C-alpha atoms as a PDB file:
ATOM      1  CA  MET A   1      14.982 -25.013   0.015  1.00  0.00           C
ATOM      2  CA  LEU A   2      17.148 -22.392  -1.626  1.00  0.00           C
ATOM      3  CA  ASN A   3      19.798 -20.465   0.232  1.00  0.00           C
ATOM      4  CA  LYS A   4      19.966 -16.667   0.069  1.00  0.00           C
ATOM      5  CA  ALA A   5      22.220 -16.814  -2.977  1.00  0.00           C
ATOM      6  CA  GLY A   6      19.710 -19.030  -4.743  1.00  0.00           C
ATOM      7  CA  LEU A   7      16.875 -16.662  -3.906  1.00  0.00           C
ATOM      8  CA  LEU A   8      18.822 -13.699  -5.180  1.00  0.00           C
ATOM      9  CA  GLY A   9      19.544 -15.636  -8.362  1.00  0.00           C
ATOM     10  CA  CYS A  10      15.835 -16.170  -8.804  1.00  0.00           C
ATOM     11  CA  GLN A  11      15.217 -12.463  -8.130  1.00  0.00           C
ATOM     12  CA  CYS A  12      17.693 -11.603 -10.880  1.00  0.00           C
ATOM     13  CA  ALA A  13      16.035 -14.091 -13.238  1.00  0.00           C
ATOM     14  CA  ARG A  14      12.655 -12.463 -12.505  1.00  0.00           C
ATOM     15  CA  ILE A  15      14.052  -8.982 -13.242  1.00  0.00           C
ATOM     16  CA  SER A  16      15.640 -10.283 -16.462  1.00  0.00           C
ATOM     17  CA  GLY A  17      12.195 -11.542 -17.512  1.00  0.00           C
ATOM     18  CA  LYS A  18      10.874  -8.014 -17.195  1.00  0.00           C
ATOM     19  CA  ILE A  19      13.328  -6.708 -19.734  1.00  0.00           C
ATOM     20  CA  GLY A  20      12.517  -9.374 -22.252  1.00  0.00           C
ATOM     21  CA  VAL A  21      15.096 -12.044 -21.481  1.00  0.00           C
ATOM     22  CA  ARG A  22      13.566 -15.543 -21.403  1.00  0.00           C
ATOM     23  CA  ILE A  23      13.996 -17.049 -17.929  1.00  0.00           C
ATOM     24  CA  SER A  24      13.608 -20.587 -16.651  1.00  0.00           C
ATOM     25  CA  GLY A  25      10.191 -21.355 -15.281  1.00  0.00           C
ATOM     26  CA  ALA A  26      11.964 -23.659 -12.827  1.00  0.00           C
ATOM     27  CA  ARG A  27      13.841 -20.710 -11.272  1.00  0.00           C
ATOM     28  CA  THR A  28      10.655 -18.747 -10.780  1.00  0.00           C
ATOM     29  CA  ALA A  29       8.955 -21.910  -9.438  1.00  0.00           C
ATOM     30  CA  ASP A  30      11.873 -22.283  -6.974  1.00  0.00           C
ATOM     31  CA  LEU A  31      11.415 -18.695  -5.749  1.00  0.00           C
ATOM     32  CA  ILE A  32       7.695 -19.115  -5.342  1.00  0.00           C
ATOM     33  CA  ALA A  33       8.015 -22.494  -3.625  1.00  0.00           C
ATOM     34  CA  THR A  34      10.617 -21.104  -1.245  1.00  0.00           C
ATOM     35  CA  LEU A  35       8.457 -18.111  -0.367  1.00  0.00           C
ATOM     36  CA  ALA A  36       5.499 -20.471   0.247  1.00  0.00           C
ATOM     37  CA  GLU A  37       7.659 -22.499   2.665  1.00  0.00           C
ATOM     38  CA  LEU A  38       9.069 -19.370   4.355  1.00  0.00           C
ATOM     39  CA  ASP A  39       5.496 -18.199   4.904  1.00  0.00           C
ATOM     40  CA  ARG A  40       4.154 -21.567   6.049  1.00  0.00           C
ATOM     41  CA  ARG A  41       6.882 -21.959   8.673  1.00  0.00           C
ATOM     42  CA  ALA A  42       7.247 -18.224   9.427  1.00  0.00           C
ATOM     43  CA  LEU A  43      11.008 -18.556   8.762  1.00  0.00           C
ATOM     44  CA  TYR A  44      11.255 -14.836   7.985  1.00  0.00           C
ATOM     45  CA  LEU A  45      11.040 -14.206  11.726  1.00  0.00           C
ATOM     46  CA  SER A  46      14.559 -15.630  12.168  1.00  0.00           C
ATOM     47  CA  GLU A  47      15.764 -12.852   9.787  1.00  0.00           C
ATOM     48  CA  GLY A  48      14.264 -10.208  12.063  1.00  0.00           C
ATOM     49  CA  CYS A  49      11.335  -9.590   9.697  1.00  0.00           C
ATOM     50  CA  THR A  50       7.801  -9.185  10.943  1.00  0.00           C
ATOM     51  CA  SER A  51       6.226 -10.557   7.778  1.00  0.00           C
ATOM     52  CA  LEU A  52       6.988 -12.273   4.521  1.00  0.00           C
ATOM     53  CA  TYR A  53       6.409  -8.931   2.787  1.00  0.00           C
ATOM     54  CA  VAL A  54       9.108  -7.257   4.931  1.00  0.00           C
ATOM     55  CA  HIS A  55      11.411 -10.200   4.156  1.00  0.00           C
ATOM     56  CA  CYS A  56      10.858  -9.778   0.415  1.00  0.00           C
ATOM     57  CA  ARG A  57      11.428  -6.040   0.576  1.00  0.00           C
ATOM     58  CA  HIS A  58      14.432  -5.879   2.888  1.00  0.00           C
ATOM     59  CA  VAL A  59      16.212  -9.257   2.634  1.00  0.00           C
ATOM     60  CA  LEU A  60      15.503 -10.096  -1.060  1.00  0.00           C
ATOM     61  CA  ARG A  61      15.278  -6.405  -2.049  1.00  0.00           C
ATOM     62  CA  LEU A  62      12.299  -6.910  -4.261  1.00  0.00           C
ATOM     63  CA  SER A  63      10.167  -3.921  -5.251  1.00  0.00           C
ATOM     64  CA  GLU A  64       6.808  -3.382  -3.543  1.00  0.00           C
ATOM     65  CA  HIS A  65       5.045  -4.620  -6.660  1.00  0.00           C
ATOM     66  CA  SER A  66       7.201  -7.722  -7.054  1.00  0.00           C
ATOM     67  CA  SER A  67       6.963  -8.534  -3.371  1.00  0.00           C
ATOM     68  CA  TYR A  68       3.139  -8.374  -3.448  1.00  0.00           C
ATOM     69  CA  HIS A  69       2.852 -10.522  -6.572  1.00  0.00           C
ATOM     70  CA  CYS A  70       5.429 -13.101  -5.458  1.00  0.00           C
ATOM     71  CA  ILE A  71       3.607 -13.472  -2.137  1.00  0.00           C
ATOM     72  CA  GLU A  72       0.254 -13.827  -3.886  1.00  0.00           C
ATOM     73  CA  ALA A  73       1.806 -16.448  -6.198  1.00  0.00           C
ATOM     74  CA  ALA A  74       3.184 -18.311  -3.147  1.00  0.00           C
ATOM     75  CA  HIS A  75      -0.286 -18.313  -1.564  1.00  0.00           C
ATOM     76  CA  VAL A  76      -1.795 -19.708  -4.780  1.00  0.00           C
ATOM     77  CA  ALA A  77       0.933 -22.335  -5.051  1.00  0.00           C
ATOM     78  CA  ARG A  78       0.277 -23.522  -1.484  1.00  0.00           C
ATOM     79  CA  ARG A  79      -3.386 -23.975  -2.293  1.00  0.00           C
ATOM     80  CA  PHE A  80      -2.783 -25.430  -5.780  1.00  0.00           C
ATOM     81  CA  PRO A  81       0.601 -27.259  -5.943  1.00  0.00           C
ATOM     82  CA  VAL A  82       0.009 -28.077  -9.598  1.00  0.00           C
ATOM     83  CA  VAL A  83       0.755 -24.405 -10.297  1.00  0.00           C
ATOM     84  CA  LEU A  84       4.456 -24.988  -9.590  1.00  0.00           C
ATOM     85  CA  GLU A  85       4.506 -28.017 -11.893  1.00  0.00           C
ATOM     86  CA  ARG A  86       2.910 -26.005 -14.681  1.00  0.00           C
ATOM     87  CA  LEU A  87       5.369 -23.212 -14.137  1.00  0.00           C
ATOM     88  CA  ARG A  88       8.345 -25.606 -14.319  1.00  0.00           C
ATOM     89  CA  GLU A  89       6.912 -27.058 -17.557  1.00  0.00           C
ATOM     90  CA  GLY A  90       6.601 -23.600 -19.063  1.00  0.00           C
ATOM     91  CA  ALA A  91       2.796 -23.951 -19.435  1.00  0.00           C
ATOM     92  CA  ILE A  92       2.287 -20.724 -17.436  1.00  0.00           C
ATOM     93  CA  THR A  93       4.527 -17.803 -16.490  1.00  0.00           C
ATOM     94  CA  GLY A  94       5.173 -16.191 -13.135  1.00  0.00           C
ATOM     95  CA  SER A  95       3.021 -13.210 -14.025  1.00  0.00           C
ATOM     96  CA  GLU A  96       0.008 -15.474 -14.673  1.00  0.00           C
ATOM     97  CA  ILE A  97       0.063 -17.157 -11.252  1.00  0.00           C
ATOM     98  CA  PRO A  98      -1.683 -14.503  -9.090  1.00  0.00           C
ATOM     99  CA  GLY A  99      -4.754 -14.797 -11.286  1.00  0.00           C
ATOM    100  CA  ALA A 100      -4.781 -18.607 -11.079  1.00  0.00           C
ATOM    101  CA  ALA A 101      -6.804 -18.901  -7.873  1.00  0.00           C
ATOM    102  CA  PRO A 102     -10.572 -18.636  -7.985  1.00  0.00           C
ATOM    103  CA  PRO A 103     -12.101 -15.765  -5.948  1.00  0.00           C
ATOM    104  CA  SER A 104     -12.531 -16.650  -2.252  1.00  0.00           C
END
């Protein structure tokens, strides 16, 4: 699991991707995997957050939009672990993950 510095590094990498800088799929995969584990174990509660969304907004300082999409990607990755492998390989990007899950 990443520490806060690692998560913030991933956040910066994600922001860099928005302005056209190529980022490592592994860094985005690390962020998403970490969020999935935080959610699974409700570790955000130890930070005084009532939800993973609050953790993303206030601890990681992600925007509302990024928080929502990162959480959605984490939910997909928990259901379909192959998504993280594909992301690390560069076969998909972080922005493609929320659409990866079939409708429930």
